[in-house]
C-alpha atoms as a PDB file:
ATOM      1  CA  UNK A   1     127.140 -67.785   3.290  1.00  0.00           C
ATOM      2  CA  UNK A   2     129.615 -66.195   5.572  1.00  0.00           C
ATOM      3  CA  UNK A   3     128.959 -63.643   8.237  1.00  0.00           C
ATOM      4  CA  UNK A   4     131.216 -61.607  10.591  1.00  0.00           C
ATOM      5  CA  UNK A   5     129.662 -63.403  13.535  1.00  0.00           C
ATOM      6  CA  UNK A   6     129.406 -67.067  14.404  1.00  0.00           C
ATOM      7  CA  UNK A   7     125.780 -68.361  13.718  1.00  0.00           C
ATOM      8  CA  UNK A   8     124.891 -71.189  16.025  1.00  0.00           C
ATOM      9  CA  UNK A   9     122.024 -72.918  17.583  1.00  0.00           C
ATOM     10  CA  UNK A  10     121.285 -75.276  20.379  1.00  0.00           C
ATOM     11  CA  UNK A  11     122.285 -78.944  21.211  1.00  0.00           C
ATOM     12  CA  UNK A  12     118.790 -80.116  20.930  1.00  0.00           C
ATOM     13  CA  UNK A  13     117.676 -79.742  17.090  1.00  0.00           C
ATOM     14  CA  UNK A  14     117.420 -83.505  16.535  1.00  0.00           C
ATOM     15  CA  UNK A  15     115.650 -85.610  19.097  1.00  0.00           C
ATOM     16  CA  UNK A  16     118.839 -87.253  20.431  1.00  0.00           C
ATOM     17  CA  UNK A  17     121.645 -86.593  22.977  1.00  0.00           C
ATOM     18  CA  UNK A  18     124.244 -83.786  22.721  1.00  0.00           C
ATOM     19  CA  UNK A  19     126.800 -85.718  20.738  1.00  0.00           C
ATOM     20  CA  UNK A  20     124.675 -86.714  17.926  1.00  0.00           C
ATOM     21  CA  UNK A  21     123.288 -83.121  17.651  1.00  0.00           C
ATOM     22  CA  UNK A  22     126.872 -81.824  17.395  1.00  0.00           C
ATOM     23  CA  UNK A  23     127.652 -84.182  14.705  1.00  0.00           C
ATOM     24  CA  UNK A  24     124.449 -83.292  12.778  1.00  0.00           C
ATOM     25  CA  UNK A  25     125.154 -79.539  13.187  1.00  0.00           C
ATOM     26  CA  UNK A  26     128.820 -79.611  12.172  1.00  0.00           C
ATOM     27  CA  UNK A  27     129.428 -77.821   8.887  1.00  0.00           C
ATOM     28  CA  UNK A  28     125.904 -76.200   9.295  1.00  0.00           C
ATOM     29  CA  UNK A  29     126.686 -73.748  12.121  1.00  0.00           C
ATOM     30  CA  UNK A  30     129.806 -72.386  13.924  1.00  0.00           C
ATOM     31  CA  UNK A  31     128.710 -72.666  17.461  1.00  0.00           C
ATOM     32  CA  UNK A  32     126.522 -75.039  19.416  1.00  0.00           C
ATOM     33  CA  UNK A  33     124.753 -73.815  22.690  1.00  0.00           C
ATOM     34  CA  UNK A  34     124.968 -76.768  25.132  1.00  0.00           C
ATOM     35  CA  UNK A  35     121.812 -77.085  27.159  1.00  0.00           C
ATOM     36  CA  UNK A  36     122.653 -78.825  30.310  1.00  0.00           C
ATOM     37  CA  UNK A  37     120.351 -79.861  33.212  1.00  0.00           C
ATOM     38  CA  UNK A  38     120.919 -81.584  36.505  1.00  0.00           C
ATOM     39  CA  UNK A  39     117.874 -82.749  38.666  1.00  0.00           C
ATOM     40  CA  UNK A  40     118.717 -83.053  42.419  1.00  0.00           C
ATOM     41  CA  UNK A  41     119.086 -86.883  43.154  1.00  0.00           C
ATOM     42  CA  UNK A  42     117.967 -87.532  39.669  1.00  0.00           C
ATOM     43  CA  UNK A  43     119.006 -87.567  35.982  1.00  0.00           C
ATOM     44  CA  UNK A  44     121.391 -85.097  34.292  1.00  0.00           C
ATOM     45  CA  UNK A  45     122.899 -84.782  30.785  1.00  0.00           C
ATOM     46  CA  UNK A  46     126.405 -83.716  31.957  1.00  0.00           C
ATOM     47  CA  UNK A  47     128.664 -85.227  29.304  1.00  0.00           C
ATOM     48  CA  UNK A  48     131.301 -87.791  30.178  1.00  0.00           C
ATOM     49  CA  UNK A  49     134.836 -87.060  29.771  1.00  0.00           C
ATOM     50  CA  UNK A  50     134.790 -89.337  26.380  1.00  0.00           C
ATOM     51  CA  UNK A  51     131.894 -87.271  25.132  1.00  0.00           C
ATOM     52  CA  UNK A  52     133.765 -84.052  25.932  1.00  0.00           C
ATOM     53  CA  UNK A  53     136.663 -85.265  23.939  1.00  0.00           C
ATOM     54  CA  UNK A  54     134.613 -86.262  20.985  1.00  0.00           C
ATOM     55  CA  UNK A  55     132.881 -82.683  21.015  1.00  0.00           C
ATOM     56  CA  UNK A  56     136.217 -80.970  21.168  1.00  0.00           C
ATOM     57  CA  UNK A  57     137.340 -83.041  18.124  1.00  0.00           C
ATOM     58  CA  UNK A  58     134.313 -82.090  16.203  1.00  0.00           C
ATOM     59  CA  UNK A  59     134.985 -78.545  16.984  1.00  0.00           C
ATOM     60  CA  UNK A  60     138.565 -78.741  15.772  1.00  0.00           C
ATOM     61  CA  UNK A  61     137.613 -80.288  12.704  1.00  0.00           C
ATOM     62  CA  UNK A  62     134.786 -77.947  11.747  1.00  0.00           C
ATOM     63  CA  UNK A  63     136.020 -74.504  13.127  1.00  0.00           C
ATOM     64  CA  UNK A  64     133.034 -74.813  15.636  1.00  0.00           C
ATOM     65  CA  UNK A  65     132.700 -73.412  19.180  1.00  0.00           C
ATOM     66  CA  UNK A  66     130.500 -74.024  22.074  1.00  0.00           C
ATOM     67  CA  UNK A  67     128.662 -71.848  24.322  1.00  0.00           C
ATOM     68  CA  UNK A  68     127.190 -73.305  27.599  1.00  0.00           C
ATOM     69  CA  UNK A  69     124.038 -72.155  29.283  1.00  0.00           C
ATOM     70  CA  UNK A  70     124.521 -72.537  33.034  1.00  0.00           C
ATOM     71  CA  UNK A  71     121.348 -74.312  34.440  1.00  0.00           C
ATOM     72  CA  UNK A  72     120.098 -72.052  37.212  1.00  0.00           C
ATOM     73  CA  UNK A  73     119.690 -68.256  37.874  1.00  0.00           C
ATOM     74  CA  UNK A  74     122.746 -67.376  39.862  1.00  0.00           C
ATOM     75  CA  UNK A  75     122.654 -66.043  43.571  1.00  0.00           C
ATOM     76  CA  UNK A  76     124.467 -66.390  46.710  1.00  0.00           C
ATOM     77  CA  UNK A  77     123.633 -68.837  49.562  1.00  0.00           C
ATOM     78  CA  UNK A  78     121.930 -67.581  52.569  1.00  0.00           C
ATOM     79  CA  UNK A  79     125.209 -67.266  54.270  1.00  0.00           C
ATOM     80  CA  UNK A  80     126.703 -65.293  51.497  1.00  0.00           C
ATOM     81  CA  UNK A  81     128.700 -67.933  50.241  1.00  0.00           C
ATOM     82  CA  UNK A  82     128.919 -70.010  47.033  1.00  0.00           C
ATOM     83  CA  UNK A  83     127.048 -72.884  48.645  1.00  0.00           C
ATOM     84  CA  UNK A  84     123.887 -72.043  46.986  1.00  0.00           C
ATOM     85  CA  UNK A  85     122.651 -74.775  44.713  1.00  0.00           C
ATOM     86  CA  UNK A  86     122.735 -72.335  41.564  1.00  0.00           C
ATOM     87  CA  UNK A  87     126.519 -71.882  42.255  1.00  0.00           C
ATOM     88  CA  UNK A  88     127.294 -75.485  43.223  1.00  0.00           C
ATOM     89  CA  UNK A  89     125.578 -76.417  39.819  1.00  0.00           C
ATOM     90  CA  UNK A  90     127.360 -73.596  37.924  1.00  0.00           C
ATOM     91  CA  UNK A  91     130.936 -74.803  39.230  1.00  0.00           C
ATOM     92  CA  UNK A  92     130.029 -78.445  38.186  1.00  0.00           C
ATOM     93  CA  UNK A  93     128.992 -77.509  34.791  1.00  0.00           C
ATOM     94  CA  UNK A  94     132.000 -75.280  34.362  1.00  0.00           C
ATOM     95  CA  UNK A  95     134.277 -78.136  35.553  1.00  0.00           C
ATOM     96  CA  UNK A  96     132.760 -80.518  33.171  1.00  0.00           C
ATOM     97  CA  UNK A  97     132.987 -78.477  30.030  1.00  0.00           C
ATOM     98  CA  UNK A  98     136.293 -76.547  30.623  1.00  0.00           C
ATOM     99  CA  UNK A  99     138.286 -78.766  28.219  1.00  0.00           C
ATOM    100  CA  UNK A 100     135.993 -77.410  25.412  1.00  0.00           C
ATOM    101  CA  UNK A 101     137.175 -73.802  25.982  1.00  0.00           C
ATOM    102  CA  UNK A 102     133.646 -72.506  25.640  1.00  0.00           C
ATOM    103  CA  UNK A 103     132.991 -69.267  23.766  1.00  0.00           C
ATOM    104  CA  UNK A 104     131.043 -68.184  26.793  1.00  0.00           C
ATOM    105  CA  UNK A 105     129.036 -69.264  29.768  1.00  0.00           C
ATOM    106  CA  UNK A 106     125.500 -67.787  29.486  1.00  0.00           C
ATOM    107  CA  UNK A 107     123.779 -67.110  32.743  1.00  0.00           C
ATOM    108  CA  UNK A 108     120.828 -65.340  34.247  1.00  0.00           C
ATOM    109  CA  UNK A 109     120.959 -63.486  37.581  1.00  0.00           C
ATOM    110  CA  UNK A 110     118.172 -64.279  40.130  1.00  0.00           C
ATOM    111  CA  UNK A 111     116.356 -61.013  40.673  1.00  0.00           C
ATOM    112  CA  UNK A 112     112.782 -62.085  40.993  1.00  0.00           C
ATOM    113  CA  UNK A 113     112.517 -60.850  44.515  1.00  0.00           C
ATOM    114  CA  UNK A 114     113.517 -57.406  43.627  1.00  0.00           C
ATOM    115  CA  UNK A 115     112.541 -56.668  40.133  1.00  0.00           C
ATOM    116  CA  UNK A 116     109.570 -54.596  40.981  1.00  0.00           C
ATOM    117  CA  UNK A 117     110.886 -53.282  44.438  1.00  0.00           C
ATOM    118  CA  UNK A 118     111.107 -49.597  45.227  1.00  0.00           C
ATOM    119  CA  UNK A 119     113.394 -50.262  48.277  1.00  0.00           C
ATOM    120  CA  UNK A 120     116.744 -48.873  47.227  1.00  0.00           C
ATOM    121  CA  UNK A 121     118.463 -50.664  50.202  1.00  0.00           C
ATOM    122  CA  UNK A 122     117.046 -53.914  49.172  1.00  0.00           C
ATOM    123  CA  UNK A 123     118.062 -53.460  45.485  1.00  0.00           C
ATOM    124  CA  UNK A 124     121.692 -52.374  46.446  1.00  0.00           C
ATOM    125  CA  UNK A 125     121.929 -55.595  48.589  1.00  0.00           C
ATOM    126  CA  UNK A 126     120.817 -57.607  45.762  1.00  0.00           C
ATOM    127  CA  UNK A 127     123.402 -56.023  43.367  1.00  0.00           C
ATOM    128  CA  UNK A 128     126.109 -56.471  45.805  1.00  0.00           C
ATOM    129  CA  UNK A 129     125.283 -60.080  46.239  1.00  0.00           C
ATOM    130  CA  UNK A 130     125.116 -60.464  42.383  1.00  0.00           C
ATOM    131  CA  UNK A 131     128.587 -59.137  41.907  1.00  0.00           C
ATOM    132  CA  UNK A 132     129.837 -61.584  44.496  1.00  0.00           C
ATOM    133  CA  UNK A 133     128.228 -64.529  42.865  1.00  0.00           C
ATOM    134  CA  UNK A 134     129.663 -63.280  39.645  1.00  0.00           C
ATOM    135  CA  UNK A 135     132.885 -63.187  41.063  1.00  0.00           C
ATOM    136  CA  UNK A 136     132.977 -66.719  42.166  1.00  0.00           C
ATOM    137  CA  UNK A 137     131.730 -67.879  38.869  1.00  0.00           C
ATOM    138  CA  UNK A 138     134.320 -65.999  36.776  1.00  0.00           C
ATOM    139  CA  UNK A 139     137.042 -67.554  38.991  1.00  0.00           C
ATOM    140  CA  UNK A 140     135.842 -71.112  38.009  1.00  0.00           C
ATOM    141  CA  UNK A 141     135.256 -69.964  34.448  1.00  0.00           C
ATOM    142  CA  UNK A 142     138.704 -68.553  33.800  1.00  0.00           C
ATOM    143  CA  UNK A 143     137.809 -64.745  33.635  1.00  0.00           C
ATOM    144  CA  UNK A 144     134.781 -62.520  33.910  1.00  0.00           C
ATOM    145  CA  UNK A 145     134.799 -61.999  30.294  1.00  0.00           C
ATOM    146  CA  UNK A 146     133.675 -65.688  29.706  1.00  0.00           C
ATOM    147  CA  UNK A 147     130.541 -64.804  31.430  1.00  0.00           C
ATOM    148  CA  UNK A 148     127.760 -63.748  29.316  1.00  0.00           C
ATOM    149  CA  UNK A 149     124.772 -62.212  31.658  1.00  0.00           C
ATOM    150  CA  UNK A 150     121.466 -62.302  29.810  1.00  0.00           C
ATOM    151  CA  UNK A 151     118.665 -59.729  29.880  1.00  0.00           C
ATOM    152  CA  UNK A 152     115.386 -61.335  30.881  1.00  0.00           C
ATOM    153  CA  UNK A 153     111.663 -60.847  30.143  1.00  0.00           C
ATOM    154  CA  UNK A 154     109.418 -59.083  32.575  1.00  0.00           C
ATOM    155  CA  UNK A 155     112.431 -57.142  34.109  1.00  0.00           C
ATOM    156  CA  UNK A 156     112.991 -53.403  33.900  1.00  0.00           C
ATOM    157  CA  UNK A 157     114.945 -52.737  30.678  1.00  0.00           C
ATOM    158  CA  UNK A 158     118.398 -51.679  32.515  1.00  0.00           C
ATOM    159  CA  UNK A 159     117.799 -53.885  35.616  1.00  0.00           C
ATOM    160  CA  UNK A 160     121.197 -55.680  35.421  1.00  0.00           C
ATOM    161  CA  UNK A 161     123.217 -52.587  34.264  1.00  0.00           C
ATOM    162  CA  UNK A 162     124.408 -51.561  37.704  1.00  0.00           C
ATOM    163  CA  UNK A 163     125.848 -54.965  38.312  1.00  0.00           C
ATOM    164  CA  UNK A 164     127.511 -54.772  34.818  1.00  0.00           C
ATOM    165  CA  UNK A 165     129.085 -51.546  35.533  1.00  0.00           C
ATOM    166  CA  UNK A 166     131.006 -53.189  38.493  1.00  0.00           C
ATOM    167  CA  UNK A 167     132.606 -56.178  36.574  1.00  0.00           C
ATOM    168  CA  UNK A 168     134.133 -56.681  33.233  1.00  0.00           C
ATOM    169  CA  UNK A 169     131.685 -59.517  32.495  1.00  0.00           C
ATOM    170  CA  UNK A 170     130.242 -59.990  28.893  1.00  0.00           C
ATOM    171  CA  UNK A 171     126.692 -59.669  27.711  1.00  0.00           C
ATOM    172  CA  UNK A 172     124.182 -62.129  26.285  1.00  0.00           C
ATOM    173  CA  UNK A 173     121.524 -59.984  24.480  1.00  0.00           C
ATOM    174  CA  UNK A 174     118.347 -61.927  24.130  1.00  0.00           C
ATOM    175  CA  UNK A 175     116.374 -60.218  21.390  1.00  0.00           C
ATOM    176  CA  UNK A 176     113.090 -61.984  21.925  1.00  0.00           C
ATOM    177  CA  UNK A 177     112.826 -60.939  25.600  1.00  0.00           C
ATOM    178  CA  UNK A 178     112.910 -57.352  24.365  1.00  0.00           C
ATOM    179  CA  UNK A 179     110.366 -57.775  21.566  1.00  0.00           C
ATOM    180  CA  UNK A 180     108.009 -59.779  24.348  1.00  0.00           C
ATOM    181  CA  UNK A 181     108.482 -56.701  26.722  1.00  0.00           C
ATOM    182  CA  UNK A 182     107.421 -54.280  23.743  1.00  0.00           C
ATOM    183  CA  UNK A 183     110.960 -52.669  23.302  1.00  0.00           C
ATOM    184  CA  UNK A 184     112.663 -51.915  19.983  1.00  0.00           C
ATOM    185  CA  UNK A 185     115.739 -54.086  20.484  1.00  0.00           C
ATOM    186  CA  UNK A 186     117.982 -52.318  18.045  1.00  0.00           C
ATOM    187  CA  UNK A 187     118.813 -49.298  20.337  1.00  0.00           C
ATOM    188  CA  UNK A 188     119.495 -51.736  23.277  1.00  0.00           C
ATOM    189  CA  UNK A 189     121.515 -53.935  21.106  1.00  0.00           C
ATOM    190  CA  UNK A 190     123.653 -51.112  19.756  1.00  0.00           C
ATOM    191  CA  UNK A 191     124.557 -49.794  23.160  1.00  0.00           C
ATOM    192  CA  UNK A 192     125.372 -53.349  24.450  1.00  0.00           C
ATOM    193  CA  UNK A 193     127.341 -54.785  21.419  1.00  0.00           C
ATOM    194  CA  UNK A 194     130.729 -53.601  22.717  1.00  0.00           C
ATOM    195  CA  UNK A 195     130.450 -56.200  25.485  1.00  0.00           C
ATOM    196  CA  UNK A 196     128.259 -58.671  23.863  1.00  0.00           C
ATOM    197  CA  UNK A 197     129.664 -62.230  23.241  1.00  0.00           C
ATOM    198  CA  UNK A 198     126.228 -64.034  22.730  1.00  0.00           C
ATOM    199  CA  UNK A 199     122.959 -63.054  21.174  1.00  0.00           C
ATOM    200  CA  UNK A 200     119.761 -65.046  21.343  1.00  0.00           C
ATOM    201  CA  UNK A 201     117.232 -64.883  18.472  1.00  0.00           C
ATOM    202  CA  UNK A 202     114.157 -67.010  17.823  1.00  0.00           C
ATOM    203  CA  UNK A 203     110.595 -66.578  16.907  1.00  0.00           C
ATOM    204  CA  UNK A 204     107.353 -66.381  18.845  1.00  0.00           C
ATOM    205  CA  UNK A 205     104.144 -68.214  17.973  1.00  0.00           C
ATOM    206  CA  UNK A 206     101.890 -69.812  20.775  1.00  0.00           C
ATOM    207  CA  UNK A 207     105.304 -69.847  22.660  1.00  0.00           C
ATOM    208  CA  UNK A 208     108.757 -68.544  22.127  1.00  0.00           C
ATOM    209  CA  UNK A 209     111.810 -70.473  21.153  1.00  0.00           C
ATOM    210  CA  UNK A 210     110.147 -71.010  17.813  1.00  0.00           C
ATOM    211  CA  UNK A 211     111.175 -70.606  14.168  1.00  0.00           C
ATOM    212  CA  UNK A 212     112.121 -67.210  12.883  1.00  0.00           C
ATOM    213  CA  UNK A 213     109.638 -67.716  10.205  1.00  0.00           C
ATOM    214  CA  UNK A 214     106.859 -66.780  12.548  1.00  0.00           C
ATOM    215  CA  UNK A 215     108.322 -63.258  13.155  1.00  0.00           C
ATOM    216  CA  UNK A 216     107.625 -60.334  10.739  1.00  0.00           C
ATOM    217  CA  UNK A 217     110.498 -60.129   8.462  1.00  0.00           C
ATOM    218  CA  UNK A 218     111.170 -56.320   9.105  1.00  0.00           C
ATOM    219  CA  UNK A 219     111.597 -57.021  12.699  1.00  0.00           C
ATOM    220  CA  UNK A 220     114.241 -59.836  11.872  1.00  0.00           C
ATOM    221  CA  UNK A 221     115.734 -57.575   9.198  1.00  0.00           C
ATOM    222  CA  UNK A 222     116.488 -54.682  11.420  1.00  0.00           C
ATOM    223  CA  UNK A 223     118.290 -56.763  13.974  1.00  0.00           C
ATOM    224  CA  UNK A 224     120.266 -58.543  11.247  1.00  0.00           C
ATOM    225  CA  UNK A 225     121.213 -55.079   9.639  1.00  0.00           C
ATOM    226  CA  UNK A 226     122.494 -53.793  12.861  1.00  0.00           C
ATOM    227  CA  UNK A 227     124.778 -56.824  13.329  1.00  0.00           C
ATOM    228  CA  UNK A 228     126.064 -56.548   9.905  1.00  0.00           C
ATOM    229  CA  UNK A 229     126.680 -52.949  10.035  1.00  0.00           C
ATOM    230  CA  UNK A 230     128.320 -53.240  13.423  1.00  0.00           C
ATOM    231  CA  UNK A 231     130.557 -56.098  12.108  1.00  0.00           C
ATOM    232  CA  UNK A 232     129.603 -57.968  15.181  1.00  0.00           C
ATOM    233  CA  UNK A 233     132.024 -61.011  15.604  1.00  0.00           C
ATOM    234  CA  UNK A 234     130.558 -62.902  18.520  1.00  0.00           C
ATOM    235  CA  UNK A 235     127.957 -65.641  18.591  1.00  0.00           C
ATOM    236  CA  UNK A 236     124.404 -65.442  17.282  1.00  0.00           C
ATOM    237  CA  UNK A 237     122.477 -68.510  18.511  1.00  0.00           C
ATOM    238  CA  UNK A 238     119.159 -69.392  17.013  1.00  0.00           C
ATOM    239  CA  UNK A 239     117.691 -70.615  20.438  1.00  0.00           C
ATOM    240  CA  UNK A 240     115.407 -73.199  19.080  1.00  0.00           C
ATOM    241  CA  UNK A 241     114.687 -76.808  19.815  1.00  0.00           C
ATOM    242  CA  UNK A 242     113.813 -78.883  16.641  1.00  0.00           C
ATOM    243  CA  UNK A 243     114.911 -79.666  13.214  1.00  0.00           C
ATOM    244  CA  UNK A 244     111.857 -78.056  11.657  1.00  0.00           C
ATOM    245  CA  UNK A 245     112.301 -74.821  13.341  1.00  0.00           C
ATOM    246  CA  UNK A 246     116.061 -74.792  12.433  1.00  0.00           C
ATOM    247  CA  UNK A 247     115.679 -75.535   8.973  1.00  0.00           C
ATOM    248  CA  UNK A 248     112.983 -72.796   8.470  1.00  0.00           C
ATOM    249  CA  UNK A 249     115.008 -70.377  10.529  1.00  0.00           C
ATOM    250  CA  UNK A 250     117.985 -71.045   8.273  1.00  0.00           C
ATOM    251  CA  UNK A 251     115.796 -70.207   5.268  1.00  0.00           C
ATOM    252  CA  UNK A 252     114.872 -66.816   6.741  1.00  0.00           C
ATOM    253  CA  UNK A 253     118.552 -66.234   7.312  1.00  0.00           C
ATOM    254  CA  UNK A 254     119.394 -66.982   3.746  1.00  0.00           C
ATOM    255  CA  UNK A 255     116.720 -64.586   2.578  1.00  0.00           C
ATOM    256  CA  UNK A 256     118.101 -61.750   4.753  1.00  0.00           C
ATOM    257  CA  UNK A 257     121.668 -62.399   3.324  1.00  0.00           C
END
């Protein structure tokens, strides 16, 4: 089936490294979300230049793109600079993957310290710092539109909107974060779609990031219908992490189509 958007999933569908996953998914999806990690003074899965070239070749052969999920919630350093580890690692990941010309860099903003605050001065300070962190990252990524800022669970519904109003960044709408907070995702999605480059969709069982087969069909269908009606042309990522969940989610997608 063909859709107006680029249907994708993550780079951890089969129990192997990123490159074997890209080979497995080539021809099955049109985008792969690269899940990259880096432990201080420890292991990382950042691709070598040789792996990057092979990933690029797979993408060219199969009309496939990559999205890259940055590893840490972004914030400024204590001195107001880009020296915070979240930004240092973001730059390292962006530098590593730039040759892939990613569809988007998906990121979270670190707002845990102010998400329930009633202190307007503190909130405005956080907003200013978040804007500055995004400005640094946009410079490294090649433009603010390459950054897809994701809505998060347990945060106020429009928590990131004042930051988005100040920069031409893109959006990543995580449907399941909205479901888990008890919101109807369709009105939120409809308002966000003009700036949305990436949408995350998955199911919830004993945890999230499960197969869509665990979700009531009417909930998934409402989101699907909105995307089709709007002729959404960005990436829709099935953000799941096993072959079983991938295959059963694809069965749900086929039924919706």
